[in-house]
Amino acid sequence: MSKVIFITGGSSGIGRATGEFLLTKGYRVYGTSRNPQTVTNSKFPLVALDVRNTESIKAAVAQVIAEAGTIDVLVNNAGVGITGPIEEIPAEEIKNNFETNLFGPIEVMKAVLPQMRAQKSGLIINVTSIAGYMGLPYRGVYSASKGALELITEALRMEVKSFGITITSVAPGDFATSIADRRYHAPVLKGSPYEQVYGGILSTMNQHVDAGSDPLQMAEAVYAIMKTPNPGVHYKVGAFMQKFSIVLKRILPDKVYEKMLMNHYKL
């Protein structure tokens, strides 16, 4: 029997690329979308799921288990970007980002864990971000939500290890996806003390995403993790300097690293 893969956020970007790649490897793939009826060209079934709605999560997981009999691998991929000066981002947008990037993925894991525990096996791959390893200016909320998911991964991994379940994370850098189009951009406010700097940084961030790597690299990374007998705790995928920035943060004094980031962002 082919292993059953459940990918949240499977209608575009990294989720879609991963699902299509795993299909070529013989896996049975289910993806999710908030509005699957609007996606007409998916190569694998899409189940309705909104990670901000616990009942939606439970229903989607139950549907896949009813149809496929199991869930062997969860790729917790659904997420959304957010940019802006923290002072100017509305509280409801910050809460929505955490609902999507942190609380939602936690609820999806909680929904699949009973099935994985019953079958005494399972793999959960949380898609985080290299941005989650550092507080980036004007991306602080995004960095915080993804960084929190990294720590949740570490803790839950230890809690479920004795059940035969493995949890790991994979942190992408900039990839050419539609995340820049779908992220919440705090508006560049006329007369704001952040107007000039944030306006310039916002343009640069969007250019980085547009010029990002092929999402197929993430699909290949997910497949490699699935084929690893004993996966590690964290994986990073992206351009060399993006991954190296994590190493630098670990070895450089805090203020030196802060200065390096400020120079990079021309602050």
Protein backbone atom coordinates (compact mmCIF):
# COMPACT_ATOMS: atom_id res chain seq x y z
CA MET A 1 0.00 0.00 0.00
CA SER A 2 1.22 3.49 -0.84
CA LYS A 3 1.81 5.77 2.12
CA VAL A 4 -0.79 8.49 2.56
CA ILE A 5 0.52 12.07 2.63
CA PHE A 6 -1.59 14.94 3.97
CA ILE A 7 -0.40 18.42 2.94
CA THR A 8 -2.03 21.57 4.31
CA GLY A 9 -2.00 24.50 1.92
CA GLY A 10 -1.73 22.20 -1.08
CA SER A 11 -3.31 24.35 -3.77
CA SER A 12 -0.27 26.48 -4.63
CA GLY A 13 3.39 27.18 -3.98
CA ILE A 14 5.45 24.81 -1.88
CA GLY A 15 2.46 22.65 -0.92
CA ARG A 16 1.41 22.07 -4.50
CA ALA A 17 4.96 21.43 -5.71
CA THR A 18 5.51 18.94 -2.89
CA GLY A 19 2.27 17.09 -3.57
CA GLU A 20 2.94 16.81 -7.29
CA PHE A 21 6.50 15.61 -6.69
CA LEU A 22 5.40 12.97 -4.17
CA LEU A 23 2.79 11.71 -6.63
CA THR A 24 5.62 10.88 -9.05
CA LYS A 25 7.20 8.81 -6.27
CA GLY A 26 4.11 6.67 -5.88
CA TYR A 27 2.57 8.18 -2.77
CA ARG A 28 -1.13 8.79 -2.24
CA VAL A 29 -1.46 12.54 -1.72
CA TYR A 30 -4.21 14.67 -0.23
CA GLY A 31 -3.93 18.43 -0.07
CA THR A 32 -6.06 21.10 1.53
CA SER A 33 -7.44 24.46 0.52
CA ARG A 34 -9.86 26.87 2.12
CA ASN A 35 -11.83 26.83 -1.15
CA PRO A 36 -10.99 23.63 -3.06
CA GLN A 37 -13.91 24.17 -5.45
CA THR A 38 -12.05 27.12 -6.97
CA VAL A 39 -8.97 25.01 -7.81
CA THR A 40 -9.61 23.22 -11.08
CA ASN A 41 -6.18 21.92 -12.04
CA SER A 42 -4.94 20.08 -8.94
CA LYS A 43 -3.30 16.73 -9.68
CA PHE A 44 -4.34 15.35 -6.28
CA PRO A 45 -7.54 15.59 -4.21
CA LEU A 46 -8.03 18.79 -2.22
CA VAL A 47 -10.00 18.71 1.03
CA ALA A 48 -11.66 21.82 2.47
CA LEU A 49 -9.69 23.06 5.48
CA ASP A 50 -9.20 26.41 7.18
CA VAL A 51 -6.39 26.14 9.73
CA ARG A 52 -8.03 28.93 11.75
CA ASN A 53 -11.08 26.73 12.37
CA THR A 54 -10.67 23.70 14.63
CA GLU A 55 -13.87 22.01 13.44
CA SER A 56 -12.72 22.42 9.84
CA ILE A 57 -9.42 20.75 10.74
CA LYS A 58 -11.11 17.81 12.48
CA ALA A 59 -13.51 17.30 9.57
CA ALA A 60 -10.72 17.34 6.97
CA VAL A 61 -8.57 14.86 8.89
CA ALA A 62 -11.57 12.58 9.46
CA GLN A 63 -12.42 12.69 5.76
CA VAL A 64 -8.93 11.66 4.68
CA ILE A 65 -8.77 8.85 7.23
CA ALA A 66 -12.22 7.63 6.15
CA GLU A 67 -11.17 7.56 2.48
CA ALA A 68 -7.56 6.40 2.76
CA GLY A 69 -7.63 4.49 6.06
CA THR A 70 -4.65 6.31 7.51
CA ILE A 71 -2.38 9.35 7.44
CA ASP A 72 1.28 8.36 7.36
CA VAL A 73 2.87 11.76 6.81
CA LEU A 74 1.57 15.23 7.64
CA VAL A 75 3.26 18.13 5.85
CA ASN A 76 2.13 21.10 7.93
CA ASN A 77 2.64 23.70 5.21
CA ALA A 78 -0.25 26.18 5.35
CA GLY A 79 0.97 29.64 6.30
CA VAL A 80 0.73 33.31 5.47
CA GLY A 81 3.17 36.20 5.39
CA ILE A 82 2.88 39.55 7.09
CA THR A 83 4.99 42.69 6.87
CA GLY A 84 5.03 46.08 8.49
CA PRO A 85 6.32 48.13 11.40
CA ILE A 86 5.14 46.32 14.53
CA GLU A 87 3.86 49.61 15.91
CA GLU A 88 1.53 50.03 12.93
CA ILE A 89 0.25 46.48 12.35
CA PRO A 90 -3.35 46.15 13.62
CA ALA A 91 -3.72 43.72 16.51
CA GLU A 92 -6.27 41.65 14.58
CA GLU A 93 -3.76 41.09 11.78
CA ILE A 94 -1.11 39.93 14.25
CA LYS A 95 -3.63 37.53 15.80
CA ASN A 96 -4.67 36.25 12.37
CA ASN A 97 -1.04 35.55 11.48
CA PHE A 98 -0.50 33.52 14.64
CA GLU A 99 -3.80 31.70 14.08
CA THR A 100 -2.59 30.66 10.62
CA ASN A 101 1.13 30.08 11.21
CA LEU A 102 1.14 28.69 14.76
CA PHE A 103 -2.17 27.81 16.38
CA GLY A 104 -3.56 26.24 13.20
CA PRO A 105 -0.58 23.94 12.63
CA ILE A 106 -0.74 22.91 16.31
CA GLU A 107 -4.42 21.97 15.91
CA VAL A 108 -3.66 19.99 12.74
CA MET A 109 -1.01 18.02 14.62
CA LYS A 110 -3.42 17.40 17.48
CA ALA A 111 -5.97 16.09 14.97
CA VAL A 112 -3.64 13.55 13.31
CA LEU A 113 -1.79 12.36 16.41
CA PRO A 114 -4.49 9.89 17.63
CA GLN A 115 -4.40 8.07 14.28
CA MET A 116 -0.60 8.00 14.21
CA ARG A 117 -0.48 6.80 17.79
CA ALA A 118 -2.96 4.01 17.02
CA GLN A 119 -0.84 2.80 14.11
CA LYS A 120 2.36 3.28 16.14
CA SER A 121 3.98 5.25 13.33
CA GLY A 122 3.86 8.62 11.65
CA LEU A 123 5.91 11.54 10.47
CA ILE A 124 5.03 15.22 10.86
CA ILE A 125 7.03 17.80 8.90
CA ASN A 126 6.37 21.38 9.98
CA VAL A 127 7.20 23.95 7.31
CA THR A 128 8.63 26.96 9.14
CA SER A 129 11.01 29.60 7.75
CA ILE A 130 14.61 30.71 7.94
CA ALA A 131 13.06 34.02 9.07
CA GLY A 132 11.94 32.14 12.19
CA TYR A 133 15.53 31.92 13.41
CA MET A 134 15.95 35.68 13.77
CA GLY A 135 13.88 38.79 14.38
CA LEU A 136 13.83 40.54 11.02
CA PRO A 137 12.88 44.23 10.83
CA TYR A 138 9.43 44.79 9.35
CA ARG A 139 8.90 41.02 9.37
CA GLY A 140 8.92 40.64 13.14
CA VAL A 141 5.45 39.11 13.47
CA TYR A 142 6.19 36.54 10.76
CA SER A 143 9.57 35.73 12.35
CA ALA A 144 7.88 35.27 15.73
CA SER A 145 5.09 32.97 14.48
CA LYS A 146 7.48 30.73 12.55
CA GLY A 147 10.07 30.76 15.34
CA ALA A 148 7.41 29.65 17.79
CA LEU A 149 6.52 26.72 15.53
CA GLU A 150 10.19 25.69 15.55
CA LEU A 151 10.11 25.49 19.36
CA ILE A 152 6.77 23.67 19.39
CA THR A 153 8.35 21.15 17.03
CA GLU A 154 11.22 20.55 19.44
CA ALA A 155 8.93 20.06 22.44
CA LEU A 156 6.25 17.92 20.80
CA ARG A 157 8.89 15.77 19.12
CA MET A 158 10.06 14.62 22.56
CA GLU A 159 6.52 14.14 23.85
CA VAL A 160 5.46 11.73 21.07
CA LYS A 161 8.73 9.90 20.40
CA SER A 162 7.74 6.90 22.51
CA PHE A 163 4.62 6.40 20.34
CA GLY A 164 6.71 5.77 17.22
CA ILE A 165 5.94 9.24 15.84
CA THR A 166 8.62 11.57 14.51
CA ILE A 167 8.24 15.35 14.24
CA THR A 168 10.68 17.59 12.43
CA SER A 169 10.75 21.00 10.79
CA VAL A 170 12.02 22.27 7.47
CA ALA A 171 12.72 25.98 7.12
CA PRO A 172 12.67 27.45 3.62
CA GLY A 173 14.34 30.68 2.61
CA ASP A 174 12.94 32.76 -0.26
CA PHE A 175 11.08 30.70 -2.85
CA ALA A 176 9.24 31.84 -5.95
CA THR A 177 5.66 31.43 -4.71
CA SER A 178 2.57 33.60 -4.40
CA ILE A 179 3.17 34.29 -0.70
CA ALA A 180 4.06 37.93 -1.41
CA ASP A 181 0.69 38.38 -3.11
CA ARG A 182 -1.22 36.74 -0.25
CA ARG A 183 0.63 38.21 2.73
CA TYR A 184 -0.75 41.08 4.74
CA HIS A 185 1.15 44.27 4.02
CA ALA A 186 0.71 47.01 6.56
CA PRO A 187 0.13 50.09 4.38
CA VAL A 188 2.96 52.56 3.92
CA LEU A 189 1.38 55.50 5.76
CA LYS A 190 1.98 59.00 4.51
CA GLY A 191 3.80 60.95 7.19
CA SER A 192 4.64 57.87 9.22
CA PRO A 193 8.10 57.83 10.85
CA TYR A 194 8.57 54.47 9.09
CA GLU A 195 7.31 55.63 5.67
CA GLN A 196 10.56 55.92 3.76
CA VAL A 197 12.44 52.96 5.22
CA TYR A 198 9.51 50.53 5.27
CA GLY A 199 8.46 51.48 1.75
CA GLY A 200 11.92 50.63 0.45
CA ILE A 201 12.22 47.41 2.42
CA LEU A 202 8.77 46.22 1.30
CA SER A 203 9.78 46.56 -2.34
CA THR A 204 13.04 44.68 -1.70
CA MET A 205 11.27 41.83 0.13
CA ASN A 206 8.85 41.29 -2.74
CA GLN A 207 11.74 41.24 -5.22
CA HIS A 208 13.49 38.57 -3.14
CA VAL A 209 10.40 36.34 -3.25
CA ASP A 210 9.94 36.88 -7.00
CA ALA A 211 13.58 35.95 -7.58
CA GLY A 212 13.46 33.05 -5.12
CA SER A 213 14.36 29.43 -5.67
CA ASP A 214 12.19 26.84 -7.39
CA PRO A 215 9.67 25.28 -4.93
CA LEU A 216 10.73 21.91 -6.33
CA GLN A 217 13.79 22.18 -4.04
CA MET A 218 11.48 22.12 -1.04
CA ALA A 219 9.58 19.16 -2.49
CA GLU A 220 12.84 17.26 -2.87
CA ALA A 221 13.83 18.18 0.70
CA VAL A 222 10.52 16.89 2.07
CA TYR A 223 10.97 13.64 0.13
CA ALA A 224 14.53 13.26 1.44
CA ILE A 225 13.29 13.69 5.02
CA MET A 226 10.59 11.08 4.41
CA LYS A 227 13.22 8.62 3.18
CA THR A 228 15.53 9.25 6.17
CA PRO A 229 15.25 6.44 8.75
CA ASN A 230 15.76 8.76 11.73
CA PRO A 231 15.07 12.38 10.71
CA GLY A 232 16.82 15.22 12.51
CA VAL A 233 15.10 17.96 14.47
CA HIS A 234 15.50 20.86 12.02
CA TYR A 235 16.32 21.25 8.33
CA LYS A 236 16.99 24.41 6.31
CA VAL A 237 16.50 24.82 2.56
CA GLY A 238 17.50 27.89 0.59
CA ALA A 239 20.32 30.00 -0.75
CA PHE A 240 23.70 29.57 0.94
CA MET A 241 23.75 33.03 2.55
CA GLN A 242 20.23 32.59 3.93
CA LYS A 243 21.22 29.35 5.63
CA PHE A 244 24.60 30.78 6.68
CA SER A 245 22.83 33.67 8.40
CA ILE A 246 21.58 31.17 11.00
CA VAL A 247 25.15 30.03 11.65
CA LEU A 248 26.30 33.62 12.01
CA LYS A 249 23.57 34.33 14.54
CA ARG A 250 24.79 31.42 16.61
CA ILE A 251 28.45 32.43 16.63
CA LEU A 252 28.44 36.24 16.51
CA PRO A 253 27.83 38.55 19.48
CA ASP A 254 24.23 39.81 19.47
CA LYS A 255 25.11 43.42 18.69
CA VAL A 256 27.45 42.44 15.87
CA TYR A 257 24.73 40.31 14.29
CA GLU A 258 22.19 43.10 14.80
CA LYS A 259 24.53 45.54 13.04
CA MET A 260 24.94 43.11 10.16
CA LEU A 261 21.16 42.87 9.72
CA MET A 262 20.74 46.63 9.93
CA ASN A 263 23.38 47.12 7.26
CA HIS A 264 21.66 44.55 5.08
CA TYR A 265 18.34 46.37 5.40
CA LYS A 266 20.00 49.80 5.17
CA LEU A 267 18.67 50.88 8.57
